[in-house]
Amino acid sequence: SLKKLVASDGGDYDNFGISVALSGDYAVVGSPGDDDEGTNAGAAYIFAKAEGGADGWGQVAKLIASDAVAGDIFGISVDISGDIAVVGATGEDGAGTNRGAVYIFYRDQGGAGAWGQVARVRASGASDGDDFGIAVAIDGDTLIVGAEGYDGDTNQEGAAYIYRKDQGGADIWGQVAMLVSDDPGDTDQYGFTVDISDDIA
């Protein structure tokens, strides 16, 4: 292998590496079991190819949700596109229990080389147990988020949501679509995985 990445402050059962993504010279790694903000509050780490000496790929940032609490499982999913990193947190409660949220970070937000949080998105009409954020993917200014626990006409049929940058104002990530299966059924868990490229999800 070229390089082994480890968290600078790794601990038992952090689950570092359960989610990973790469874009250009940056990598993001999820660690949903990180306990720094509470048991299983979670974290994610940014690594840069140009950092860390001859072999490169040194850690440049640790991402934490601005409202982190125990059980959020922040880092269960991650993705990165250019200067934007996104992190899912299925255990984030919102106004209920395990409704889920996704956090968006920009490079150089808060200073040169910093990765600062600029937004938190939740599903419109969220319900308990939706697990919104179980999967995330970003391409440029478009984000897709899976919610495998969504209950529509059937139990846990699942859904996915599309967001766009600057939809509703500068740096606001507004929801533009909700995707559901045309033949939903119990425990289909539609949205358990997602991906997006240009105009195709």
N, C-alpha and C. Protein backbone atom coordinates (compact mmCIF):
# COMPACT_ATOMS: atom_id res chain seq x y z
N SER A 1 0.84 -1.18 0.00
CA SER A 1 0.00 0.00 0.00
C SER A 1 0.88 1.25 0.00
N LEU A 2 0.38 2.33 -0.54
CA LEU A 2 1.13 3.58 -0.60
C LEU A 2 1.16 4.29 0.75
N LYS A 3 0.03 4.28 1.45
CA LYS A 3 -0.07 5.04 2.70
C LYS A 3 -1.17 4.47 3.57
N LYS A 4 -0.92 4.38 4.85
CA LYS A 4 -1.94 4.00 5.83
C LYS A 4 -2.35 5.25 6.59
N LEU A 5 -3.65 5.58 6.54
CA LEU A 5 -4.15 6.76 7.24
C LEU A 5 -4.74 6.35 8.57
N VAL A 6 -4.38 7.07 9.60
CA VAL A 6 -4.95 6.85 10.93
C VAL A 6 -5.31 8.20 11.52
N ALA A 7 -6.30 8.21 12.40
CA ALA A 7 -6.69 9.44 13.06
C ALA A 7 -5.63 9.85 14.07
N SER A 8 -5.41 11.15 14.19
CA SER A 8 -4.40 11.65 15.13
C SER A 8 -4.78 11.37 16.57
N ASP A 9 -6.07 11.18 16.83
CA ASP A 9 -6.54 10.96 18.19
C ASP A 9 -7.46 9.74 18.27
N GLY A 10 -7.17 8.73 17.47
CA GLY A 10 -8.02 7.54 17.39
C GLY A 10 -8.19 6.84 18.73
N GLY A 11 -9.36 6.25 18.93
CA GLY A 11 -9.64 5.53 20.15
C GLY A 11 -10.38 4.24 19.86
N ASP A 12 -10.57 3.43 20.88
CA ASP A 12 -11.27 2.16 20.73
C ASP A 12 -12.67 2.38 20.14
N TYR A 13 -13.01 1.56 19.18
CA TYR A 13 -14.36 1.52 18.60
C TYR A 13 -14.78 2.83 17.94
N ASP A 14 -13.82 3.63 17.48
CA ASP A 14 -14.16 4.86 16.76
C ASP A 14 -14.75 4.55 15.38
N ASN A 15 -14.48 3.36 14.86
CA ASN A 15 -14.93 2.97 13.52
C ASN A 15 -14.40 3.91 12.44
N PHE A 16 -13.18 4.38 12.64
CA PHE A 16 -12.49 5.20 11.64
C PHE A 16 -12.37 4.40 10.34
N GLY A 17 -12.85 4.97 9.25
CA GLY A 17 -12.76 4.30 7.95
C GLY A 17 -14.04 3.61 7.52
N ILE A 18 -15.10 3.71 8.30
CA ILE A 18 -16.36 3.08 7.89
C ILE A 18 -16.92 3.76 6.64
N SER A 19 -16.51 5.00 6.42
CA SER A 19 -16.87 5.73 5.21
C SER A 19 -15.66 6.52 4.75
N VAL A 20 -15.45 6.56 3.43
CA VAL A 20 -14.30 7.29 2.88
C VAL A 20 -14.69 7.90 1.54
N ALA A 21 -14.02 8.97 1.18
CA ALA A 21 -14.23 9.59 -0.13
C ALA A 21 -12.99 10.38 -0.49
N LEU A 22 -12.78 10.54 -1.80
CA LEU A 22 -11.59 11.18 -2.32
C LEU A 22 -11.97 12.11 -3.45
N SER A 23 -11.39 13.30 -3.46
CA SER A 23 -11.58 14.25 -4.55
C SER A 23 -10.30 15.04 -4.73
N GLY A 24 -9.65 14.88 -5.88
CA GLY A 24 -8.41 15.60 -6.13
C GLY A 24 -7.36 15.27 -5.10
N ASP A 25 -6.88 16.28 -4.40
CA ASP A 25 -5.80 16.11 -3.43
C ASP A 25 -6.28 16.01 -2.00
N TYR A 26 -7.59 15.75 -1.81
CA TYR A 26 -8.14 15.65 -0.46
C TYR A 26 -8.94 14.37 -0.29
N ALA A 27 -8.85 13.82 0.91
CA ALA A 27 -9.64 12.65 1.29
C ALA A 27 -10.38 12.97 2.57
N VAL A 28 -11.57 12.40 2.73
CA VAL A 28 -12.34 12.54 3.96
C VAL A 28 -12.68 11.14 4.46
N VAL A 29 -12.54 10.96 5.77
CA VAL A 29 -12.75 9.65 6.40
C VAL A 29 -13.69 9.81 7.58
N GLY A 30 -14.74 9.01 7.61
CA GLY A 30 -15.70 9.07 8.71
C GLY A 30 -15.27 8.23 9.89
N SER A 31 -15.67 8.69 11.09
CA SER A 31 -15.36 8.01 12.34
C SER A 31 -16.56 8.16 13.28
N PRO A 32 -17.67 7.48 12.98
CA PRO A 32 -18.92 7.73 13.72
C PRO A 32 -18.90 7.30 15.17
N GLY A 33 -17.91 6.51 15.56
CA GLY A 33 -17.82 6.09 16.95
C GLY A 33 -16.97 7.00 17.82
N ASP A 34 -16.46 8.10 17.24
CA ASP A 34 -15.65 9.03 18.02
C ASP A 34 -16.46 9.57 19.19
N ASP A 35 -15.84 9.62 20.38
CA ASP A 35 -16.55 9.97 21.60
C ASP A 35 -16.21 11.34 22.17
N ASP A 36 -15.44 12.15 21.44
CA ASP A 36 -14.97 13.42 22.00
C ASP A 36 -16.12 14.34 22.42
N GLU A 37 -17.22 14.32 21.68
CA GLU A 37 -18.36 15.19 21.99
C GLU A 37 -19.48 14.42 22.68
N GLY A 38 -19.18 13.20 23.12
CA GLY A 38 -20.18 12.32 23.72
C GLY A 38 -20.10 10.96 23.06
N THR A 39 -20.59 9.96 23.72
CA THR A 39 -20.50 8.59 23.20
C THR A 39 -21.13 8.50 21.81
N ASN A 40 -20.32 8.08 20.84
CA ASN A 40 -20.78 7.91 19.46
C ASN A 40 -21.35 9.21 18.86
N ALA A 41 -20.85 10.33 19.30
CA ALA A 41 -21.23 11.59 18.66
C ALA A 41 -20.67 11.63 17.24
N GLY A 42 -19.44 11.12 17.08
CA GLY A 42 -18.86 10.99 15.76
C GLY A 42 -17.97 12.14 15.33
N ALA A 43 -17.20 11.87 14.28
CA ALA A 43 -16.29 12.85 13.71
C ALA A 43 -15.93 12.42 12.29
N ALA A 44 -15.26 13.31 11.58
CA ALA A 44 -14.69 12.98 10.28
C ALA A 44 -13.35 13.70 10.16
N TYR A 45 -12.46 13.17 9.35
CA TYR A 45 -11.11 13.70 9.23
C TYR A 45 -10.81 14.01 7.77
N ILE A 46 -10.11 15.13 7.55
CA ILE A 46 -9.65 15.51 6.22
C ILE A 46 -8.14 15.28 6.14
N PHE A 47 -7.72 14.63 5.06
CA PHE A 47 -6.31 14.41 4.77
C PHE A 47 -5.96 15.06 3.44
N ALA A 48 -4.76 15.62 3.34
CA ALA A 48 -4.31 16.28 2.13
C ALA A 48 -3.08 15.58 1.57
N LYS A 49 -3.07 15.41 0.27
CA LYS A 49 -1.95 14.74 -0.40
C LYS A 49 -0.64 15.47 -0.18
N ALA A 50 -0.69 16.80 -0.13
CA ALA A 50 0.53 17.60 -0.02
C ALA A 50 1.03 17.73 1.42
N GLU A 51 0.30 17.13 2.37
CA GLU A 51 0.65 17.28 3.78
C GLU A 51 1.34 16.01 4.27
N GLY A 52 2.32 16.14 5.16
CA GLY A 52 2.84 14.96 5.83
C GLY A 52 4.16 14.44 5.32
N GLY A 53 4.93 15.25 4.61
CA GLY A 53 6.26 14.82 4.20
C GLY A 53 6.29 14.10 2.87
N ALA A 54 7.31 13.27 2.68
CA ALA A 54 7.57 12.64 1.38
C ALA A 54 6.40 11.77 0.91
N ASP A 55 5.80 11.04 1.82
CA ASP A 55 4.70 10.15 1.43
C ASP A 55 3.36 10.87 1.36
N GLY A 56 3.29 12.06 1.93
CA GLY A 56 2.08 12.86 1.85
C GLY A 56 0.91 12.29 2.62
N TRP A 57 -0.27 12.80 2.32
CA TRP A 57 -1.55 12.40 2.89
C TRP A 57 -1.55 12.50 4.42
N GLY A 58 -1.25 13.72 4.89
CA GLY A 58 -1.32 14.00 6.31
C GLY A 58 -2.65 14.60 6.70
N GLN A 59 -3.03 14.43 7.96
CA GLN A 59 -4.30 14.96 8.46
C GLN A 59 -4.21 16.48 8.56
N VAL A 60 -5.23 17.17 8.03
CA VAL A 60 -5.25 18.63 8.09
C VAL A 60 -6.45 19.17 8.88
N ALA A 61 -7.45 18.34 9.15
CA ALA A 61 -8.61 18.83 9.89
C ALA A 61 -9.39 17.67 10.49
N LYS A 62 -10.02 17.96 11.62
CA LYS A 62 -11.00 17.06 12.20
C LYS A 62 -12.33 17.78 12.19
N LEU A 63 -13.34 17.17 11.58
CA LEU A 63 -14.65 17.79 11.47
C LEU A 63 -15.57 17.28 12.57
N ILE A 64 -16.22 18.23 13.23
CA ILE A 64 -17.19 17.94 14.30
C ILE A 64 -18.44 18.77 14.01
N ALA A 65 -19.60 18.21 14.22
CA ALA A 65 -20.83 18.97 14.04
C ALA A 65 -20.91 20.09 15.07
N SER A 66 -21.44 21.22 14.65
CA SER A 66 -21.54 22.37 15.54
C SER A 66 -22.47 22.11 16.72
N ASP A 67 -23.41 21.19 16.55
CA ASP A 67 -24.38 20.87 17.60
C ASP A 67 -24.25 19.41 18.05
N ALA A 68 -23.03 18.90 18.02
CA ALA A 68 -22.79 17.48 18.31
C ALA A 68 -23.26 17.08 19.70
N VAL A 69 -23.91 15.91 19.76
CA VAL A 69 -24.28 15.30 21.03
C VAL A 69 -24.09 13.79 20.91
N ALA A 70 -24.10 13.12 22.03
CA ALA A 70 -23.93 11.67 22.04
C ALA A 70 -24.99 11.00 21.16
N GLY A 71 -24.55 9.99 20.42
CA GLY A 71 -25.46 9.19 19.62
C GLY A 71 -25.76 9.72 18.24
N ASP A 72 -25.14 10.83 17.84
CA ASP A 72 -25.43 11.39 16.51
C ASP A 72 -24.91 10.51 15.38
N ILE A 73 -23.83 9.78 15.62
CA ILE A 73 -23.18 8.93 14.61
C ILE A 73 -22.77 9.75 13.39
N PHE A 74 -22.30 10.96 13.66
CA PHE A 74 -21.74 11.84 12.63
C PHE A 74 -20.52 11.15 12.02
N GLY A 75 -20.52 11.01 10.68
CA GLY A 75 -19.42 10.33 10.00
C GLY A 75 -19.81 8.97 9.47
N ILE A 76 -21.07 8.57 9.66
CA ILE A 76 -21.53 7.29 9.12
C ILE A 76 -21.45 7.29 7.59
N SER A 77 -21.54 8.49 7.00
CA SER A 77 -21.35 8.65 5.56
C SER A 77 -20.59 9.94 5.32
N VAL A 78 -19.78 9.95 4.27
CA VAL A 78 -19.02 11.15 3.90
C VAL A 78 -18.87 11.21 2.39
N ASP A 79 -18.68 12.42 1.89
CA ASP A 79 -18.25 12.60 0.50
C ASP A 79 -17.57 13.96 0.39
N ILE A 80 -16.86 14.14 -0.70
CA ILE A 80 -16.12 15.38 -0.92
C ILE A 80 -16.08 15.66 -2.41
N SER A 81 -16.22 16.93 -2.76
CA SER A 81 -16.13 17.36 -4.15
C SER A 81 -15.46 18.72 -4.17
N GLY A 82 -14.26 18.77 -4.69
CA GLY A 82 -13.52 20.03 -4.69
C GLY A 82 -13.28 20.53 -3.29
N ASP A 83 -13.80 21.71 -3.00
CA ASP A 83 -13.58 22.36 -1.69
C ASP A 83 -14.76 22.16 -0.75
N ILE A 84 -15.64 21.19 -1.03
CA ILE A 84 -16.83 20.97 -0.21
C ILE A 84 -16.84 19.54 0.30
N ALA A 85 -16.97 19.39 1.61
CA ALA A 85 -17.11 18.07 2.22
C ALA A 85 -18.47 17.98 2.89
N VAL A 86 -19.09 16.80 2.82
CA VAL A 86 -20.39 16.58 3.45
C VAL A 86 -20.31 15.34 4.33
N VAL A 87 -21.02 15.41 5.46
CA VAL A 87 -20.96 14.34 6.45
C VAL A 87 -22.38 14.05 6.95
N GLY A 88 -22.76 12.77 6.92
CA GLY A 88 -24.07 12.36 7.40
C GLY A 88 -24.03 11.97 8.86
N ALA A 89 -25.18 12.20 9.53
CA ALA A 89 -25.33 11.88 10.96
C ALA A 89 -26.73 11.33 11.18
N THR A 90 -26.89 10.03 11.01
CA THR A 90 -28.23 9.43 11.08
C THR A 90 -28.85 9.49 12.46
N GLY A 91 -28.02 9.61 13.48
CA GLY A 91 -28.54 9.64 14.84
C GLY A 91 -28.91 11.03 15.33
N GLU A 92 -28.73 12.04 14.50
CA GLU A 92 -29.11 13.40 14.89
C GLU A 92 -30.63 13.44 15.04
N ASP A 93 -31.10 13.98 16.16
CA ASP A 93 -32.52 13.82 16.51
C ASP A 93 -33.43 14.89 15.92
N GLY A 94 -32.92 16.08 15.69
CA GLY A 94 -33.80 17.15 15.24
C GLY A 94 -34.90 17.38 16.27
N ALA A 95 -36.14 17.35 15.82
CA ALA A 95 -37.28 17.55 16.71
C ALA A 95 -37.87 16.22 17.18
N GLY A 96 -37.10 15.12 17.01
CA GLY A 96 -37.61 13.81 17.39
C GLY A 96 -36.49 12.89 17.78
N THR A 97 -36.45 11.70 17.15
CA THR A 97 -35.42 10.71 17.44
C THR A 97 -34.90 10.12 16.14
N ASN A 98 -33.59 10.18 15.96
CA ASN A 98 -32.93 9.57 14.80
C ASN A 98 -33.55 9.99 13.47
N ARG A 99 -33.87 11.26 13.39
CA ARG A 99 -34.37 11.77 12.10
C ARG A 99 -33.23 11.96 11.11
N GLY A 100 -32.07 12.40 11.62
CA GLY A 100 -30.88 12.51 10.80
C GLY A 100 -30.65 13.90 10.24
N ALA A 101 -29.40 14.16 9.93
CA ALA A 101 -28.99 15.44 9.34
C ALA A 101 -27.71 15.24 8.55
N VAL A 102 -27.42 16.20 7.70
CA VAL A 102 -26.18 16.22 6.94
C VAL A 102 -25.53 17.59 7.12
N TYR A 103 -24.23 17.59 7.33
CA TYR A 103 -23.46 18.81 7.59
C TYR A 103 -22.53 19.08 6.41
N ILE A 104 -22.42 20.35 6.06
CA ILE A 104 -21.64 20.76 4.90
C ILE A 104 -20.51 21.69 5.35
N PHE A 105 -19.31 21.37 4.90
CA PHE A 105 -18.10 22.11 5.27
C PHE A 105 -17.41 22.62 4.01
N TYR A 106 -16.87 23.84 4.08
CA TYR A 106 -16.10 24.42 2.99
C TYR A 106 -14.64 24.55 3.42
N ARG A 107 -13.75 24.28 2.48
CA ARG A 107 -12.33 24.54 2.72
C ARG A 107 -12.08 26.05 2.77
N ASP A 108 -11.21 26.47 3.66
CA ASP A 108 -10.85 27.87 3.90
C ASP A 108 -11.95 28.66 4.60
N GLN A 109 -13.00 27.98 5.03
CA GLN A 109 -14.03 28.64 5.83
C GLN A 109 -13.52 28.77 7.26
N GLY A 110 -13.32 30.03 7.70
CA GLY A 110 -12.77 30.25 9.03
C GLY A 110 -11.26 30.45 9.04
N GLY A 111 -10.66 30.56 7.85
CA GLY A 111 -9.22 30.78 7.76
C GLY A 111 -8.59 29.88 6.72
N ALA A 112 -7.42 30.27 6.23
CA ALA A 112 -6.72 29.50 5.21
C ALA A 112 -6.44 28.09 5.71
N GLY A 113 -6.86 27.10 4.94
CA GLY A 113 -6.63 25.71 5.29
C GLY A 113 -7.65 25.12 6.25
N ALA A 114 -8.51 25.96 6.82
CA ALA A 114 -9.53 25.45 7.73
C ALA A 114 -10.68 24.83 6.93
N TRP A 115 -11.39 23.91 7.56
CA TRP A 115 -12.61 23.34 6.99
C TRP A 115 -13.74 23.67 7.96
N GLY A 116 -14.52 24.70 7.62
CA GLY A 116 -15.55 25.18 8.53
C GLY A 116 -16.95 24.79 8.09
N GLN A 117 -17.81 24.52 9.06
CA GLN A 117 -19.20 24.17 8.77
C GLN A 117 -19.96 25.41 8.30
N VAL A 118 -20.69 25.26 7.20
CA VAL A 118 -21.48 26.37 6.67
C VAL A 118 -22.97 26.06 6.65
N ALA A 119 -23.35 24.80 6.75
CA ALA A 119 -24.77 24.47 6.67
C ALA A 119 -25.05 23.12 7.32
N ARG A 120 -26.28 22.98 7.76
CA ARG A 120 -26.83 21.70 8.19
C ARG A 120 -28.15 21.54 7.48
N VAL A 121 -28.36 20.38 6.85
CA VAL A 121 -29.63 20.16 6.15
C VAL A 121 -30.36 18.98 6.77
N ARG A 122 -31.66 19.11 6.78
CA ARG A 122 -32.56 18.04 7.22
C ARG A 122 -33.63 17.85 6.17
N ALA A 123 -34.25 16.69 6.18
CA ALA A 123 -35.32 16.42 5.21
C ALA A 123 -36.57 17.20 5.57
N SER A 124 -37.26 17.69 4.55
CA SER A 124 -38.57 18.30 4.79
C SER A 124 -39.53 17.19 5.22
N GLY A 125 -40.35 17.47 6.21
CA GLY A 125 -41.30 16.47 6.69
C GLY A 125 -40.66 15.29 7.38
N ALA A 126 -39.50 15.51 8.01
CA ALA A 126 -38.77 14.42 8.65
C ALA A 126 -39.58 13.77 9.77
N SER A 127 -39.37 12.46 9.93
CA SER A 127 -40.03 11.69 10.98
C SER A 127 -38.99 10.88 11.74
N ASP A 128 -39.36 10.43 12.94
CA ASP A 128 -38.46 9.61 13.74
C ASP A 128 -38.04 8.36 12.98
N GLY A 129 -36.75 8.04 13.08
CA GLY A 129 -36.23 6.82 12.47
C GLY A 129 -35.99 6.88 10.98
N ASP A 130 -36.02 8.08 10.39
CA ASP A 130 -35.81 8.19 8.94
C ASP A 130 -34.39 7.79 8.54
N ASP A 131 -33.42 7.97 9.45
CA ASP A 131 -32.02 7.72 9.14
C ASP A 131 -31.53 8.54 7.94
N PHE A 132 -32.04 9.75 7.84
CA PHE A 132 -31.57 10.69 6.83
C PHE A 132 -30.07 10.90 7.02
N GLY A 133 -29.30 10.71 5.96
CA GLY A 133 -27.84 10.84 6.04
C GLY A 133 -27.12 9.51 6.06
N ILE A 134 -27.86 8.40 5.95
CA ILE A 134 -27.22 7.08 5.90
C ILE A 134 -26.27 6.99 4.71
N ALA A 135 -26.57 7.77 3.66
CA ALA A 135 -25.71 7.83 2.48
C ALA A 135 -25.72 9.25 1.95
N VAL A 136 -24.57 9.74 1.51
CA VAL A 136 -24.46 11.07 0.91
C VAL A 136 -23.57 11.00 -0.31
N ALA A 137 -23.83 11.87 -1.27
CA ALA A 137 -22.94 12.03 -2.41
C ALA A 137 -23.08 13.47 -2.90
N ILE A 138 -21.96 14.04 -3.30
CA ILE A 138 -21.96 15.41 -3.79
C ILE A 138 -21.15 15.48 -5.06
N ASP A 139 -21.65 16.26 -6.01
CA ASP A 139 -20.91 16.53 -7.24
C ASP A 139 -21.10 18.01 -7.54
N GLY A 140 -20.04 18.78 -7.37
CA GLY A 140 -20.15 20.21 -7.58
C GLY A 140 -21.10 20.84 -6.58
N ASP A 141 -22.16 21.45 -7.09
CA ASP A 141 -23.12 22.17 -6.24
C ASP A 141 -24.38 21.36 -5.97
N THR A 142 -24.36 20.07 -6.23
CA THR A 142 -25.56 19.25 -6.04
C THR A 142 -25.26 18.11 -5.08
N LEU A 143 -26.15 17.94 -4.12
CA LEU A 143 -26.01 16.95 -3.05
C LEU A 143 -27.21 16.02 -3.07
N ILE A 144 -26.96 14.72 -2.89
CA ILE A 144 -28.04 13.75 -2.72
C ILE A 144 -27.84 13.05 -1.38
N VAL A 145 -28.96 12.84 -0.67
CA VAL A 145 -28.93 12.25 0.66
C VAL A 145 -29.96 11.12 0.72
N GLY A 146 -29.54 9.95 1.21
CA GLY A 146 -30.45 8.83 1.39
C GLY A 146 -31.06 8.83 2.78
N ALA A 147 -32.31 8.35 2.84
CA ALA A 147 -33.04 8.22 4.11
C ALA A 147 -33.76 6.87 4.09
N GLU A 148 -33.02 5.81 4.37
CA GLU A 148 -33.54 4.46 4.19
C GLU A 148 -34.67 4.10 5.14
N GLY A 149 -34.85 4.87 6.22
CA GLY A 149 -35.90 4.56 7.18
C GLY A 149 -37.20 5.30 6.95
N TYR A 150 -37.27 6.08 5.88
CA TYR A 150 -38.47 6.88 5.60
C TYR A 150 -39.70 5.98 5.42
N ASP A 151 -40.77 6.36 6.12
CA ASP A 151 -42.05 5.66 5.97
C ASP A 151 -42.99 6.49 5.10
N GLY A 152 -43.31 5.98 3.93
CA GLY A 152 -44.31 6.63 3.08
C GLY A 152 -45.62 5.90 3.23
N ASP A 153 -46.05 5.26 2.17
CA ASP A 153 -47.26 4.43 2.24
C ASP A 153 -46.95 3.08 2.88
N THR A 154 -45.69 2.72 2.94
CA THR A 154 -45.28 1.45 3.54
C THR A 154 -44.18 1.72 4.56
N ASN A 155 -43.84 0.71 5.35
CA ASN A 155 -42.88 0.84 6.43
C ASN A 155 -41.45 0.75 5.91
N GLN A 156 -40.64 1.75 6.24
CA GLN A 156 -39.24 1.79 5.84
C GLN A 156 -39.06 1.59 4.34
N GLU A 157 -39.89 2.24 3.56
CA GLU A 157 -39.73 2.13 2.10
C GLU A 157 -38.53 2.93 1.63
N GLY A 158 -38.18 4.00 2.34
CA GLY A 158 -36.99 4.78 2.02
C GLY A 158 -37.23 5.90 1.02
N ALA A 159 -36.32 6.85 1.00
CA ALA A 159 -36.39 7.99 0.10
C ALA A 159 -35.00 8.58 -0.05
N ALA A 160 -34.87 9.46 -1.03
CA ALA A 160 -33.64 10.24 -1.20
C ALA A 160 -34.03 11.68 -1.52
N TYR A 161 -33.14 12.59 -1.20
CA TYR A 161 -33.41 14.02 -1.33
C TYR A 161 -32.27 14.69 -2.09
N ILE A 162 -32.64 15.66 -2.95
CA ILE A 162 -31.65 16.42 -3.71
C ILE A 162 -31.61 17.86 -3.18
N TYR A 163 -30.41 18.36 -2.97
CA TYR A 163 -30.18 19.73 -2.52
C TYR A 163 -29.24 20.44 -3.48
N ARG A 164 -29.40 21.76 -3.59
CA ARG A 164 -28.49 22.55 -4.41
C ARG A 164 -27.95 23.74 -3.64
N LYS A 165 -26.68 24.02 -3.87
CA LYS A 165 -26.03 25.17 -3.24
C LYS A 165 -26.66 26.47 -3.73
N ASP A 166 -26.79 27.42 -2.82
CA ASP A 166 -27.34 28.76 -3.09
C ASP A 166 -28.81 28.73 -3.48
N GLN A 167 -29.47 27.63 -3.19
CA GLN A 167 -30.91 27.53 -3.44
C GLN A 167 -31.63 28.18 -2.25
N GLY A 168 -32.09 29.43 -2.47
CA GLY A 168 -32.73 30.16 -1.39
C GLY A 168 -31.84 31.22 -0.77
N GLY A 169 -30.63 31.40 -1.30
CA GLY A 169 -29.71 32.40 -0.78
C GLY A 169 -28.29 31.91 -0.78
N ALA A 170 -27.34 32.81 -0.58
CA ALA A 170 -25.92 32.46 -0.62
C ALA A 170 -25.60 31.41 0.44
N ASP A 171 -24.98 30.33 0.00
CA ASP A 171 -24.53 29.23 0.86
C ASP A 171 -25.68 28.51 1.57
N ILE A 172 -26.89 28.75 1.12
CA ILE A 172 -28.02 27.95 1.60
C ILE A 172 -28.15 26.74 0.68
N TRP A 173 -28.22 25.56 1.27
CA TRP A 173 -28.41 24.33 0.51
C TRP A 173 -29.88 23.95 0.60
N GLY A 174 -30.62 24.34 -0.42
CA GLY A 174 -32.06 24.14 -0.40
C GLY A 174 -32.48 22.84 -1.07
N GLN A 175 -33.49 22.21 -0.50
CA GLN A 175 -34.03 20.97 -1.07
C GLN A 175 -34.79 21.29 -2.36
N VAL A 176 -34.46 20.56 -3.43
CA VAL A 176 -35.12 20.79 -4.71
C VAL A 176 -35.93 19.59 -5.18
N ALA A 177 -35.72 18.43 -4.57
CA ALA A 177 -36.49 17.25 -4.98
C ALA A 177 -36.45 16.19 -3.90
N MET A 178 -37.50 15.40 -3.86
CA MET A 178 -37.55 14.19 -3.03
C MET A 178 -37.80 13.02 -3.97
N LEU A 179 -36.96 12.01 -3.88
CA LEU A 179 -37.06 10.85 -4.76
C LEU A 179 -37.60 9.66 -3.97
N VAL A 180 -38.59 8.97 -4.54
CA VAL A 180 -39.12 7.74 -3.96
C VAL A 180 -39.26 6.70 -5.06
N SER A 181 -39.32 5.46 -4.66
CA SER A 181 -39.47 4.37 -5.62
C SER A 181 -40.87 4.40 -6.24
N ASP A 182 -40.97 3.95 -7.50
CA ASP A 182 -42.29 3.87 -8.13
C ASP A 182 -43.04 2.60 -7.75
N ASP A 183 -42.37 1.71 -7.00
CA ASP A 183 -43.05 0.49 -6.52
C ASP A 183 -42.62 0.20 -5.08
N PRO A 184 -42.90 1.11 -4.15
CA PRO A 184 -42.40 0.96 -2.78
C PRO A 184 -43.01 -0.24 -2.06
N GLY A 185 -42.22 -0.80 -1.14
CA GLY A 185 -42.68 -1.90 -0.32
C GLY A 185 -42.04 -1.84 1.05
N ASP A 186 -42.58 -2.59 1.99
CA ASP A 186 -42.05 -2.62 3.34
C ASP A 186 -40.57 -2.99 3.33
N THR A 187 -39.79 -2.26 4.09
CA THR A 187 -38.36 -2.46 4.31
C THR A 187 -37.55 -2.48 3.01
N ASP A 188 -38.01 -1.77 1.99
CA ASP A 188 -37.21 -1.66 0.76
C ASP A 188 -35.91 -0.89 1.02
N GLN A 189 -35.95 0.06 1.95
CA GLN A 189 -34.78 0.86 2.32
C GLN A 189 -34.15 1.58 1.14
N TYR A 190 -35.02 2.06 0.27
CA TYR A 190 -34.59 2.90 -0.85
C TYR A 190 -33.80 4.09 -0.30
N GLY A 191 -32.63 4.33 -0.84
CA GLY A 191 -31.78 5.40 -0.34
C GLY A 191 -30.67 4.92 0.57
N PHE A 192 -30.56 3.61 0.75
CA PHE A 192 -29.50 3.06 1.61
C PHE A 192 -28.12 3.38 1.04
N THR A 193 -28.02 3.46 -0.28
CA THR A 193 -26.82 3.96 -0.95
C THR A 193 -27.25 4.95 -2.02
N VAL A 194 -26.42 5.93 -2.28
CA VAL A 194 -26.71 6.94 -3.30
C VAL A 194 -25.42 7.34 -3.99
N ASP A 195 -25.56 7.89 -5.20
CA ASP A 195 -24.44 8.53 -5.87
C ASP A 195 -25.01 9.52 -6.87
N ILE A 196 -24.18 10.44 -7.30
CA ILE A 196 -24.64 11.46 -8.25
C ILE A 196 -23.46 11.89 -9.11
N SER A 197 -23.74 12.16 -10.38
CA SER A 197 -22.73 12.65 -11.31
C SER A 197 -23.41 13.59 -12.30
N ASP A 198 -22.96 14.84 -12.30
CA ASP A 198 -23.59 15.86 -13.14
C ASP A 198 -25.10 15.89 -12.86
N ASP A 199 -25.91 15.58 -13.86
CA ASP A 199 -27.37 15.69 -13.71
C ASP A 199 -28.03 14.33 -13.54
N ILE A 200 -27.26 13.31 -13.16
CA ILE A 200 -27.82 11.97 -13.02
C ILE A 200 -27.55 11.44 -11.62
N ALA A 201 -28.63 10.98 -10.94
CA ALA A 201 -28.51 10.41 -9.60
C ALA A 201 -28.86 8.94 -9.66
